[in-house]
C-alpha atoms as a PDB file:
ATOM      1  CA  UNK A   1    -121.020  38.814  48.577  1.00  0.00           C
ATOM      2  CA  UNK A   2    -118.419  36.325  49.805  1.00  0.00           C
ATOM      3  CA  UNK A   3    -116.443  34.533  47.183  1.00  0.00           C
ATOM      4  CA  UNK A   4    -117.466  30.945  46.442  1.00  0.00           C
ATOM      5  CA  UNK A   5    -115.364  28.510  48.371  1.00  0.00           C
ATOM      6  CA  UNK A   6    -113.478  31.074  50.381  1.00  0.00           C
ATOM      7  CA  UNK A   7    -115.107  30.119  53.673  1.00  0.00           C
ATOM      8  CA  UNK A   8    -115.512  33.688  54.923  1.00  0.00           C
ATOM      9  CA  UNK A   9    -118.764  34.797  56.436  1.00  0.00           C
ATOM     10  CA  UNK A  10    -121.098  37.445  55.015  1.00  0.00           C
ATOM     11  CA  UNK A  11    -119.692  40.991  54.884  1.00  0.00           C
ATOM     12  CA  UNK A  12    -116.040  39.960  55.079  1.00  0.00           C
ATOM     13  CA  UNK A  13    -115.054  39.610  51.441  1.00  0.00           C
ATOM     14  CA  UNK A  14    -117.274  42.466  50.434  1.00  0.00           C
ATOM     15  CA  UNK A  15    -115.452  44.857  52.812  1.00  0.00           C
ATOM     16  CA  UNK A  16    -112.855  47.394  51.662  1.00  0.00           C
ATOM     17  CA  UNK A  17    -109.973  45.183  52.756  1.00  0.00           C
ATOM     18  CA  UNK A  18    -110.995  42.062  50.929  1.00  0.00           C
ATOM     19  CA  UNK A  19    -108.490  39.341  51.918  1.00  0.00           C
ATOM     20  CA  UNK A  20    -109.641  37.160  49.083  1.00  0.00           C
ATOM     21  CA  UNK A  21    -108.595  39.774  46.531  1.00  0.00           C
ATOM     22  CA  UNK A  22    -105.041  39.226  47.675  1.00  0.00           C
ATOM     23  CA  UNK A  23    -105.299  35.462  48.102  1.00  0.00           C
ATOM     24  CA  UNK A  24    -106.734  34.537  44.747  1.00  0.00           C
ATOM     25  CA  UNK A  25    -104.189  33.133  42.345  1.00  0.00           C
ATOM     26  CA  UNK A  26    -103.874  34.075  38.713  1.00  0.00           C
ATOM     27  CA  UNK A  27    -106.006  31.073  37.789  1.00  0.00           C
ATOM     28  CA  UNK A  28    -108.819  32.064  40.210  1.00  0.00           C
ATOM     29  CA  UNK A  29    -108.031  29.370  42.788  1.00  0.00           C
ATOM     30  CA  UNK A  30    -107.986  30.259  46.446  1.00  0.00           C
ATOM     31  CA  UNK A  31    -104.995  29.584  48.668  1.00  0.00           C
ATOM     32  CA  UNK A  32    -106.029  27.964  51.945  1.00  0.00           C
ATOM     33  CA  UNK A  33    -104.598  26.789  55.261  1.00  0.00           C
ATOM     34  CA  UNK A  34    -101.230  27.934  56.635  1.00  0.00           C
ATOM     35  CA  UNK A  35    -100.114  29.235  53.246  1.00  0.00           C
ATOM     36  CA  UNK A  36    -103.185  31.458  53.081  1.00  0.00           C
ATOM     37  CA  UNK A  37    -102.554  32.889  56.550  1.00  0.00           C
ATOM     38  CA  UNK A  38     -98.890  33.534  55.779  1.00  0.00           C
ATOM     39  CA  UNK A  39     -99.718  35.137  52.479  1.00  0.00           C
ATOM     40  CA  UNK A  40    -102.365  37.320  54.093  1.00  0.00           C
ATOM     41  CA  UNK A  41     -99.984  38.405  56.850  1.00  0.00           C
ATOM     42  CA  UNK A  42     -97.329  39.260  54.254  1.00  0.00           C
ATOM     43  CA  UNK A  43     -99.751  41.294  52.168  1.00  0.00           C
ATOM     44  CA  UNK A  44    -101.102  43.252  55.128  1.00  0.00           C
ATOM     45  CA  UNK A  45     -97.629  44.010  56.467  1.00  0.00           C
ATOM     46  CA  UNK A  46     -96.566  45.150  53.020  1.00  0.00           C
ATOM     47  CA  UNK A  47     -99.543  47.481  52.798  1.00  0.00           C
ATOM     48  CA  UNK A  48     -98.787  48.977  56.201  1.00  0.00           C
ATOM     49  CA  UNK A  49     -95.121  49.437  55.320  1.00  0.00           C
ATOM     50  CA  UNK A  50     -96.031  51.124  52.053  1.00  0.00           C
ATOM     51  CA  UNK A  51     -98.278  53.587  53.890  1.00  0.00           C
ATOM     52  CA  UNK A  52     -95.599  54.590  56.391  1.00  0.00           C
ATOM     53  CA  UNK A  53     -92.672  56.719  55.181  1.00  0.00           C
ATOM     54  CA  UNK A  54     -89.490  56.888  57.154  1.00  0.00           C
ATOM     55  CA  UNK A  55     -88.076  60.432  57.220  1.00  0.00           C
ATOM     56  CA  UNK A  56     -84.395  60.720  58.054  1.00  0.00           C
ATOM     57  CA  UNK A  57     -83.529  64.019  59.695  1.00  0.00           C
ATOM     58  CA  UNK A  58     -79.965  65.374  59.680  1.00  0.00           C
ATOM     59  CA  UNK A  59     -78.238  65.012  63.011  1.00  0.00           C
ATOM     60  CA  UNK A  60     -76.945  68.292  64.382  1.00  0.00           C
ATOM     61  CA  UNK A  61     -73.503  67.685  65.791  1.00  0.00           C
ATOM     62  CA  UNK A  62     -72.643  69.560  68.926  1.00  0.00           C
ATOM     63  CA  UNK A  63     -69.432  71.537  68.670  1.00  0.00           C
ATOM     64  CA  UNK A  64     -67.193  71.772  71.661  1.00  0.00           C
ATOM     65  CA  UNK A  65     -64.172  73.658  72.914  1.00  0.00           C
ATOM     66  CA  UNK A  66     -62.258  75.782  70.468  1.00  0.00           C
ATOM     67  CA  UNK A  67     -64.784  75.305  67.652  1.00  0.00           C
ATOM     68  CA  UNK A  68     -67.568  76.906  69.719  1.00  0.00           C
ATOM     69  CA  UNK A  69     -65.255  79.665  70.981  1.00  0.00           C
ATOM     70  CA  UNK A  70     -64.211  80.571  67.447  1.00  0.00           C
ATOM     71  CA  UNK A  71     -67.815  80.590  66.232  1.00  0.00           C
ATOM     72  CA  UNK A  72     -68.797  82.914  69.085  1.00  0.00           C
ATOM     73  CA  UNK A  73     -65.810  85.226  68.514  1.00  0.00           C
ATOM     74  CA  UNK A  74     -66.534  85.476  64.798  1.00  0.00           C
ATOM     75  CA  UNK A  75     -70.197  86.169  65.549  1.00  0.00           C
ATOM     76  CA  UNK A  76     -69.342  88.975  67.994  1.00  0.00           C
ATOM     77  CA  UNK A  77     -67.079  90.685  65.460  1.00  0.00           C
ATOM     78  CA  UNK A  78     -69.701  90.371  62.718  1.00  0.00           C
ATOM     79  CA  UNK A  79     -72.447  91.698  64.988  1.00  0.00           C
ATOM     80  CA  UNK A  80     -70.342  94.691  66.023  1.00  0.00           C
ATOM     81  CA  UNK A  81     -69.549  95.476  62.402  1.00  0.00           C
ATOM     82  CA  UNK A  82     -73.173  95.057  61.256  1.00  0.00           C
ATOM     83  CA  UNK A  83     -75.358  96.435  64.068  1.00  0.00           C
ATOM     84  CA  UNK A  84     -72.982  97.948  66.637  1.00  0.00           C
ATOM     85  CA  UNK A  85     -72.602  97.363  70.345  1.00  0.00           C
ATOM     86  CA  UNK A  86     -75.923  98.979  71.276  1.00  0.00           C
ATOM     87  CA  UNK A  87     -77.951  96.344  69.411  1.00  0.00           C
ATOM     88  CA  UNK A  88     -75.710  93.365  70.127  1.00  0.00           C
ATOM     89  CA  UNK A  89     -77.369  90.731  72.341  1.00  0.00           C
ATOM     90  CA  UNK A  90     -76.588  87.236  73.544  1.00  0.00           C
ATOM     91  CA  UNK A  91     -79.462  86.016  71.394  1.00  0.00           C
ATOM     92  CA  UNK A  92     -78.149  87.619  68.208  1.00  0.00           C
ATOM     93  CA  UNK A  93     -74.628  86.315  68.821  1.00  0.00           C
ATOM     94  CA  UNK A  94     -75.870  82.800  69.547  1.00  0.00           C
ATOM     95  CA  UNK A  95     -78.055  82.835  66.447  1.00  0.00           C
ATOM     96  CA  UNK A  96     -75.199  84.001  64.207  1.00  0.00           C
ATOM     97  CA  UNK A  97     -72.791  81.511  65.769  1.00  0.00           C
ATOM     98  CA  UNK A  98     -75.231  78.642  65.334  1.00  0.00           C
ATOM     99  CA  UNK A  99     -75.110  77.666  68.990  1.00  0.00           C
ATOM    100  CA  UNK A 100     -77.274  77.875  72.078  1.00  0.00           C
ATOM    101  CA  UNK A 101     -77.302  80.777  74.513  1.00  0.00           C
ATOM    102  CA  UNK A 102     -76.154  78.669  77.457  1.00  0.00           C
ATOM    103  CA  UNK A 103     -72.410  78.810  76.642  1.00  0.00           C
ATOM    104  CA  UNK A 104     -72.618  82.604  76.541  1.00  0.00           C
ATOM    105  CA  UNK A 105     -74.527  83.022  79.785  1.00  0.00           C
ATOM    106  CA  UNK A 106     -72.181  80.629  81.576  1.00  0.00           C
ATOM    107  CA  UNK A 107     -69.021  82.493  80.622  1.00  0.00           C
ATOM    108  CA  UNK A 108     -69.948  86.187  80.409  1.00  0.00           C
ATOM    109  CA  UNK A 109     -72.093  88.230  82.813  1.00  0.00           C
ATOM    110  CA  UNK A 110     -72.971  90.838  80.173  1.00  0.00           C
ATOM    111  CA  UNK A 111     -72.412  91.807  76.560  1.00  0.00           C
ATOM    112  CA  UNK A 112     -69.651  94.273  77.477  1.00  0.00           C
ATOM    113  CA  UNK A 113     -67.595  91.456  78.976  1.00  0.00           C
ATOM    114  CA  UNK A 114     -68.281  89.304  75.939  1.00  0.00           C
ATOM    115  CA  UNK A 115     -67.176  92.024  73.522  1.00  0.00           C
ATOM    116  CA  UNK A 116     -64.012  92.988  75.396  1.00  0.00           C
ATOM    117  CA  UNK A 117     -62.975  89.373  75.866  1.00  0.00           C
ATOM    118  CA  UNK A 118     -63.489  88.703  72.171  1.00  0.00           C
ATOM    119  CA  UNK A 119     -61.590  91.767  70.951  1.00  0.00           C
ATOM    120  CA  UNK A 120     -58.726  91.051  73.323  1.00  0.00           C
ATOM    121  CA  UNK A 121     -58.382  87.494  72.060  1.00  0.00           C
ATOM    122  CA  UNK A 122     -58.660  88.395  68.391  1.00  0.00           C
ATOM    123  CA  UNK A 123     -56.175  91.230  68.630  1.00  0.00           C
ATOM    124  CA  UNK A 124     -52.639  90.466  67.583  1.00  0.00           C
ATOM    125  CA  UNK A 125     -50.108  90.291  70.393  1.00  0.00           C
ATOM    126  CA  UNK A 126     -47.408  92.929  69.737  1.00  0.00           C
ATOM    127  CA  UNK A 127     -45.010  91.003  71.932  1.00  0.00           C
ATOM    128  CA  UNK A 128     -45.091  88.262  69.289  1.00  0.00           C
ATOM    129  CA  UNK A 129     -43.360  90.573  66.811  1.00  0.00           C
ATOM    130  CA  UNK A 130     -39.721  89.414  66.391  1.00  0.00           C
ATOM    131  CA  UNK A 131     -37.430  92.381  66.822  1.00  0.00           C
ATOM    132  CA  UNK A 132     -34.619  92.981  64.355  1.00  0.00           C
ATOM    133  CA  UNK A 133     -32.454  95.110  66.649  1.00  0.00           C
ATOM    134  CA  UNK A 134     -32.715  98.140  64.317  1.00  0.00           C
ATOM    135  CA  UNK A 135     -34.855 100.820  65.967  1.00  0.00           C
ATOM    136  CA  UNK A 136     -36.401 102.305  62.839  1.00  0.00           C
ATOM    137  CA  UNK A 137     -37.173  98.916  61.313  1.00  0.00           C
ATOM    138  CA  UNK A 138     -38.690  97.693  64.560  1.00  0.00           C
ATOM    139  CA  UNK A 139     -40.846 100.806  64.942  1.00  0.00           C
ATOM    140  CA  UNK A 140     -42.197 100.324  61.437  1.00  0.00           C
ATOM    141  CA  UNK A 141     -42.537  96.559  61.856  1.00  0.00           C
ATOM    142  CA  UNK A 142     -44.371  96.525  65.182  1.00  0.00           C
ATOM    143  CA  UNK A 143     -46.696  99.362  64.133  1.00  0.00           C
ATOM    144  CA  UNK A 144     -47.517  97.555  60.909  1.00  0.00           C
ATOM    145  CA  UNK A 145     -48.018  94.350  62.908  1.00  0.00           C
ATOM    146  CA  UNK A 146     -50.645  96.065  65.061  1.00  0.00           C
ATOM    147  CA  UNK A 147     -52.385  97.712  62.119  1.00  0.00           C
ATOM    148  CA  UNK A 148     -52.731  94.449  60.196  1.00  0.00           C
ATOM    149  CA  UNK A 149     -54.437  92.931  63.226  1.00  0.00           C
ATOM    150  CA  UNK A 150     -57.244  95.464  62.787  1.00  0.00           C
ATOM    151  CA  UNK A 151     -58.011  95.129  59.092  1.00  0.00           C
ATOM    152  CA  UNK A 152     -61.190  93.886  57.425  1.00  0.00           C
ATOM    153  CA  UNK A 153     -64.294  93.180  59.484  1.00  0.00           C
ATOM    154  CA  UNK A 154     -62.273  93.484  62.688  1.00  0.00           C
ATOM    155  CA  UNK A 155     -61.461  97.080  61.831  1.00  0.00           C
ATOM    156  CA  UNK A 156     -65.148  97.695  61.109  1.00  0.00           C
ATOM    157  CA  UNK A 157     -65.969  96.310  64.545  1.00  0.00           C
ATOM    158  CA  UNK A 158     -63.375  98.548  66.231  1.00  0.00           C
ATOM    159  CA  UNK A 159     -64.665 101.628  64.406  1.00  0.00           C
ATOM    160  CA  UNK A 160     -68.249 100.789  65.317  1.00  0.00           C
ATOM    161  CA  UNK A 161     -67.282 100.367  68.949  1.00  0.00           C
ATOM    162  CA  UNK A 162     -65.391 103.647  69.111  1.00  0.00           C
ATOM    163  CA  UNK A 163     -68.283 105.423  67.423  1.00  0.00           C
ATOM    164  CA  UNK A 164     -70.595 104.386  70.256  1.00  0.00           C
ATOM    165  CA  UNK A 165     -68.062 104.681  73.066  1.00  0.00           C
ATOM    166  CA  UNK A 166     -69.293 108.054  74.294  1.00  0.00           C
ATOM    167  CA  UNK A 167     -72.558 106.378  75.300  1.00  0.00           C
ATOM    168  CA  UNK A 168     -70.802 103.535  77.130  1.00  0.00           C
ATOM    169  CA  UNK A 169     -67.937 105.079  79.142  1.00  0.00           C
ATOM    170  CA  UNK A 170     -67.303 101.898  81.110  1.00  0.00           C
ATOM    171  CA  UNK A 171     -66.940  99.916  77.915  1.00  0.00           C
ATOM    172  CA  UNK A 172     -64.590 102.534  76.463  1.00  0.00           C
ATOM    173  CA  UNK A 173     -62.434 102.408  79.582  1.00  0.00           C
ATOM    174  CA  UNK A 174     -62.142  98.642  79.324  1.00  0.00           C
ATOM    175  CA  UNK A 175     -61.495  98.836  75.589  1.00  0.00           C
ATOM    176  CA  UNK A 176     -58.612 101.232  76.206  1.00  0.00           C
ATOM    177  CA  UNK A 177     -57.125  99.323  79.129  1.00  0.00           C
ATOM    178  CA  UNK A 178     -57.479  95.804  77.724  1.00  0.00           C
ATOM    179  CA  UNK A 179     -57.162  96.326  73.977  1.00  0.00           C
ATOM    180  CA  UNK A 180     -55.353  99.551  73.090  1.00  0.00           C
ATOM    181  CA  UNK A 181     -52.929 100.051  75.961  1.00  0.00           C
ATOM    182  CA  UNK A 182     -51.249  96.610  75.729  1.00  0.00           C
ATOM    183  CA  UNK A 183     -50.455  97.346  72.086  1.00  0.00           C
ATOM    184  CA  UNK A 184     -49.149 100.838  72.758  1.00  0.00           C
ATOM    185  CA  UNK A 185     -47.147  99.579  75.724  1.00  0.00           C
ATOM    186  CA  UNK A 186     -45.211  97.382  73.313  1.00  0.00           C
ATOM    187  CA  UNK A 187     -44.107 100.518  71.440  1.00  0.00           C
ATOM    188  CA  UNK A 188     -43.181 102.215  74.703  1.00  0.00           C
ATOM    189  CA  UNK A 189     -41.130  99.230  75.786  1.00  0.00           C
ATOM    190  CA  UNK A 190     -39.304  99.218  72.457  1.00  0.00           C
ATOM    191  CA  UNK A 191     -38.398 102.899  72.805  1.00  0.00           C
ATOM    192  CA  UNK A 192     -37.326 102.520  76.419  1.00  0.00           C
ATOM    193  CA  UNK A 193     -35.025  99.664  75.458  1.00  0.00           C
ATOM    194  CA  UNK A 194     -33.553 101.887  72.751  1.00  0.00           C
ATOM    195  CA  UNK A 195     -33.008 104.654  75.307  1.00  0.00           C
ATOM    196  CA  UNK A 196     -31.327 102.196  77.661  1.00  0.00           C
ATOM    197  CA  UNK A 197     -28.909 101.239  74.855  1.00  0.00           C
ATOM    198  CA  UNK A 198     -28.117 104.872  74.040  1.00  0.00           C
ATOM    199  CA  UNK A 199     -29.919 104.913  70.683  1.00  0.00           C
ATOM    200  CA  UNK A 200     -32.192 107.796  71.724  1.00  0.00           C
ATOM    201  CA  UNK A 201     -32.127 110.305  74.541  1.00  0.00           C
ATOM    202  CA  UNK A 202     -34.299 109.326  77.525  1.00  0.00           C
ATOM    203  CA  UNK A 203     -35.298 112.997  77.955  1.00  0.00           C
ATOM    204  CA  UNK A 204     -36.969 112.886  74.559  1.00  0.00           C
ATOM    205  CA  UNK A 205     -39.140 109.955  75.549  1.00  0.00           C
ATOM    206  CA  UNK A 206     -42.048 111.912  77.011  1.00  0.00           C
ATOM    207  CA  UNK A 207     -45.718 110.887  77.254  1.00  0.00           C
ATOM    208  CA  UNK A 208     -46.636 113.545  74.698  1.00  0.00           C
ATOM    209  CA  UNK A 209     -44.235 112.109  72.124  1.00  0.00           C
ATOM    210  CA  UNK A 210     -45.714 108.659  72.623  1.00  0.00           C
ATOM    211  CA  UNK A 211     -49.264 109.982  72.382  1.00  0.00           C
ATOM    212  CA  UNK A 212     -48.495 111.546  69.019  1.00  0.00           C
ATOM    213  CA  UNK A 213     -47.708 108.147  67.522  1.00  0.00           C
ATOM    214  CA  UNK A 214     -50.685 106.536  69.243  1.00  0.00           C
ATOM    215  CA  UNK A 215     -52.993 109.237  67.926  1.00  0.00           C
ATOM    216  CA  UNK A 216     -51.673 108.781  64.392  1.00  0.00           C
ATOM    217  CA  UNK A 217     -52.230 105.032  64.558  1.00  0.00           C
ATOM    218  CA  UNK A 218     -55.800 105.428  65.814  1.00  0.00           C
ATOM    219  CA  UNK A 219     -56.583 108.093  63.237  1.00  0.00           C
ATOM    220  CA  UNK A 220     -55.163 106.167  60.305  1.00  0.00           C
ATOM    221  CA  UNK A 221     -56.590 102.772  61.256  1.00  0.00           C
ATOM    222  CA  UNK A 222     -59.900 103.495  62.963  1.00  0.00           C
ATOM    223  CA  UNK A 223     -61.082 106.939  61.932  1.00  0.00           C
ATOM    224  CA  UNK A 224     -60.383 106.852  58.205  1.00  0.00           C
ATOM    225  CA  UNK A 225     -62.111 104.719  55.594  1.00  0.00           C
ATOM    226  CA  UNK A 226     -58.976 103.599  53.789  1.00  0.00           C
ATOM    227  CA  UNK A 227     -56.546 101.288  55.505  1.00  0.00           C
ATOM    228  CA  UNK A 228     -52.967 102.587  55.836  1.00  0.00           C
ATOM    229  CA  UNK A 229     -50.203 100.972  53.846  1.00  0.00           C
ATOM    230  CA  UNK A 230     -46.740 100.041  55.002  1.00  0.00           C
ATOM    231  CA  UNK A 231     -45.534 103.172  53.193  1.00  0.00           C
ATOM    232  CA  UNK A 232     -47.897 105.252  55.347  1.00  0.00           C
ATOM    233  CA  UNK A 233     -46.457 103.661  58.465  1.00  0.00           C
ATOM    234  CA  UNK A 234     -42.908 104.361  57.327  1.00  0.00           C
ATOM    235  CA  UNK A 235     -43.800 108.022  56.765  1.00  0.00           C
ATOM    236  CA  UNK A 236     -45.309 108.277  60.257  1.00  0.00           C
ATOM    237  CA  UNK A 237     -42.117 106.920  61.775  1.00  0.00           C
ATOM    238  CA  UNK A 238     -39.668 108.837  59.577  1.00  0.00           C
ATOM    239  CA  UNK A 239     -41.451 112.192  59.470  1.00  0.00           C
ATOM    240  CA  UNK A 240     -43.034 112.366  62.915  1.00  0.00           C
ATOM    241  CA  UNK A 241     -41.752 110.008  65.568  1.00  0.00           C
ATOM    242  CA  UNK A 242     -38.029 109.824  64.812  1.00  0.00           C
ATOM    243  CA  UNK A 243     -37.655 113.634  64.497  1.00  0.00           C
ATOM    244  CA  UNK A 244     -39.451 114.006  67.835  1.00  0.00           C
ATOM    245  CA  UNK A 245     -36.946 111.573  69.309  1.00  0.00           C
ATOM    246  CA  UNK A 246     -34.014 113.537  67.916  1.00  0.00           C
ATOM    247  CA  UNK A 247     -33.128 110.948  65.279  1.00  0.00           C
END
């Protein structure tokens, strides 16, 4: 039934949304006119606002440039160490890096290119090693410099890659030419400079002698579980390479 004196027709005040319930004062009087309409509008808007929750979602900031490149490089190394090259995909790298697949597809035609490019960038540049001018010290220093660039998860990634290389000969060839050979060439250049200055005999500087040191480095760093120490490197130089060079 409509409230007495409210002026509403039958069925209005008895409905679920009874405006008079909200317009009656504490003393039972009814607000009328403009004040009543304003009060009613306020009440209804308040009810609607109370029934609508505003959910704030975190804004995902888009990374650009070097930040994205680093995330992708780290993801490639982690994927190689965890699942190997055979199971590495653009999707898995993008997911681990927290980025979309588009940056990967735009820059690399295949996963082999992605892996080689990443390993080449993350590898330490042997040319950055500051020479001391003392042959033995420089041989130890530059070898140690290269070994330290392959420790931790990076070493795990290298070992995983070499373990699968026989199934991916093209990848192995690129790994050797773009990752290993630049590092070994730095050792060769150091020895050739020493030969030019009369510190060692040029006749002793044969490919076989150089391969012996390269093989020792690969064996100690990539094929054994424990990482070599600086003492191990010194022993390789003092007991193997220098005697082969006639020092």
